[in-house]
Amino acid sequence: MLSFIFSLILGAIAGFAASYLMGEKSGMLKNILLGVGGGFVGRFVFGLFGFATTNMIASLIVAVVGACICIFVGRKLFK
């Protein structure tokens, strides 16, 4: 249960950072969803290049990059 709460907190931070970097204005729920989804996308993309995360800072960076990718793709699909 604690790891689930930790994942939500890390996702919220990653989603907020990605929204800020990409100039996206969004609410807390969208930030959490972007961060958690971005974690999966980032882990997949970085895995294709042979990178793996081993600590919290690396996971946060990967989640932010993944969330930025999600925002970019979302903008292209829905505009």
C-alpha atoms as a PDB file:
ATOM      1  CA  MET A   1       0.000   0.000   0.000  1.00  0.00           C
ATOM      2  CA  LEU A   2       2.836   2.361   0.797  1.00  0.00           C
ATOM      3  CA  SER A   3       4.463   1.761  -2.603  1.00  0.00           C
ATOM      4  CA  PHE A   4       1.159   2.652  -4.318  1.00  0.00           C
ATOM      5  CA  ILE A   5       0.964   5.948  -2.419  1.00  0.00           C
ATOM      6  CA  PHE A   6       4.630   6.608  -3.175  1.00  0.00           C
ATOM      7  CA  SER A   7       3.963   5.961  -6.896  1.00  0.00           C
ATOM      8  CA  LEU A   8       1.102   8.473  -6.861  1.00  0.00           C
ATOM      9  CA  ILE A   9       3.255  11.103  -5.161  1.00  0.00           C
ATOM     10  CA  LEU A  10       6.143  10.516  -7.572  1.00  0.00           C
ATOM     11  CA  GLY A  11       3.661  10.597 -10.468  1.00  0.00           C
ATOM     12  CA  ALA A  12       2.199  13.893  -9.279  1.00  0.00           C
ATOM     13  CA  ILE A  13       5.664  15.441  -9.049  1.00  0.00           C
ATOM     14  CA  ALA A  14       6.663  14.100 -12.474  1.00  0.00           C
ATOM     15  CA  GLY A  15       3.372  15.225 -14.039  1.00  0.00           C
ATOM     16  CA  PHE A  16       3.682  18.689 -12.522  1.00  0.00           C
ATOM     17  CA  ALA A  17       7.282  19.016 -13.756  1.00  0.00           C
ATOM     18  CA  ALA A  18       6.360  17.839 -17.252  1.00  0.00           C
ATOM     19  CA  SER A  19       3.357  20.178 -17.402  1.00  0.00           C
ATOM     20  CA  TYR A  20       5.578  23.064 -16.353  1.00  0.00           C
ATOM     21  CA  LEU A  21       8.285  22.172 -18.897  1.00  0.00           C
ATOM     22  CA  MET A  22       5.781  21.782 -21.734  1.00  0.00           C
ATOM     23  CA  GLY A  23       3.720  24.871 -20.825  1.00  0.00           C
ATOM     24  CA  GLU A  24       0.589  22.791 -20.150  1.00  0.00           C
ATOM     25  CA  LYS A  25      -1.958  24.103 -17.674  1.00  0.00           C
ATOM     26  CA  SER A  26      -3.659  21.200 -15.938  1.00  0.00           C
ATOM     27  CA  GLY A  27      -5.105  20.105 -12.621  1.00  0.00           C
ATOM     28  CA  MET A  28      -3.736  17.761  -9.990  1.00  0.00           C
ATOM     29  CA  LEU A  29      -5.557  14.663 -11.269  1.00  0.00           C
ATOM     30  CA  LYS A  30      -4.265  15.169 -14.799  1.00  0.00           C
ATOM     31  CA  ASN A  31      -0.749  15.699 -13.436  1.00  0.00           C
ATOM     32  CA  ILE A  32      -0.926  12.436 -11.486  1.00  0.00           C
ATOM     33  CA  LEU A  33      -2.210  10.540 -14.516  1.00  0.00           C
ATOM     34  CA  LEU A  34       0.441  12.102 -16.764  1.00  0.00           C
ATOM     35  CA  GLY A  35       3.184  11.278 -14.286  1.00  0.00           C
ATOM     36  CA  VAL A  36       2.135   7.665 -13.719  1.00  0.00           C
ATOM     37  CA  GLY A  37       1.513   7.102 -17.438  1.00  0.00           C
ATOM     38  CA  GLY A  38       4.737   8.903 -18.216  1.00  0.00           C
ATOM     39  CA  GLY A  39       6.569   6.534 -15.910  1.00  0.00           C
ATOM     40  CA  PHE A  40       5.411   3.587 -18.000  1.00  0.00           C
ATOM     41  CA  VAL A  41       6.161   5.342 -21.302  1.00  0.00           C
ATOM     42  CA  GLY A  42       9.543   6.576 -20.097  1.00  0.00           C
ATOM     43  CA  ARG A  43      10.534   3.171 -18.738  1.00  0.00           C
ATOM     44  CA  PHE A  44       9.591   1.599 -22.090  1.00  0.00           C
ATOM     45  CA  VAL A  45      11.469   4.187 -24.178  1.00  0.00           C
ATOM     46  CA  PHE A  46      14.561   4.142 -21.978  1.00  0.00           C
ATOM     47  CA  GLY A  47      14.412   0.328 -21.955  1.00  0.00           C
ATOM     48  CA  LEU A  48      14.621   0.323 -25.748  1.00  0.00           C
ATOM     49  CA  PHE A  49      17.971   2.073 -25.414  1.00  0.00           C
ATOM     50  CA  GLY A  50      19.178  -0.295 -22.707  1.00  0.00           C
ATOM     51  CA  PHE A  51      18.799   2.051 -19.731  1.00  0.00           C
ATOM     52  CA  ALA A  52      17.277   0.976 -16.421  1.00  0.00           C
ATOM     53  CA  THR A  53      16.493   3.026 -13.328  1.00  0.00           C
ATOM     54  CA  THR A  54      17.837   1.978  -9.968  1.00  0.00           C
ATOM     55  CA  ASN A  55      16.961   4.867  -7.671  1.00  0.00           C
ATOM     56  CA  MET A  56      14.259   7.449  -7.026  1.00  0.00           C
ATOM     57  CA  ILE A  57      15.941  10.362  -8.845  1.00  0.00           C
ATOM     58  CA  ALA A  58      16.446   8.316 -12.009  1.00  0.00           C
ATOM     59  CA  SER A  59      12.834   7.111 -11.847  1.00  0.00           C
ATOM     60  CA  LEU A  60      11.635  10.695 -11.500  1.00  0.00           C
ATOM     61  CA  ILE A  61      13.684  11.816 -14.517  1.00  0.00           C
ATOM     62  CA  VAL A  62      12.388   8.908 -16.603  1.00  0.00           C
ATOM     63  CA  ALA A  63       8.792   9.676 -15.546  1.00  0.00           C
ATOM     64  CA  VAL A  64       9.190  13.365 -16.445  1.00  0.00           C
ATOM     65  CA  VAL A  65      10.594  12.493 -19.877  1.00  0.00           C
ATOM     66  CA  GLY A  66       7.787   9.988 -20.416  1.00  0.00           C
ATOM     67  CA  ALA A  67       5.150  12.509 -19.337  1.00  0.00           C
ATOM     68  CA  CYS A  68       6.623  15.077 -21.739  1.00  0.00           C
ATOM     69  CA  ILE A  69       6.327  12.481 -24.496  1.00  0.00           C
ATOM     70  CA  CYS A  70       2.691  11.855 -23.506  1.00  0.00           C
ATOM     71  CA  ILE A  71       1.920  15.595 -23.590  1.00  0.00           C
ATOM     72  CA  PHE A  72       3.619  15.966 -26.981  1.00  0.00           C
ATOM     73  CA  VAL A  73       1.738  13.017 -28.491  1.00  0.00           C
ATOM     74  CA  GLY A  74      -1.538  14.235 -26.967  1.00  0.00           C
ATOM     75  CA  ARG A  75      -1.071  17.670 -28.506  1.00  0.00           C
ATOM     76  CA  LYS A  76      -0.402  16.146 -31.933  1.00  0.00           C
ATOM     77  CA  LEU A  77      -3.355  13.768 -31.764  1.00  0.00           C
ATOM     78  CA  PHE A  78      -5.985  16.154 -30.445  1.00  0.00           C
ATOM     79  CA  LYS A  79      -5.214  19.342 -32.352  1.00  0.00           C
END
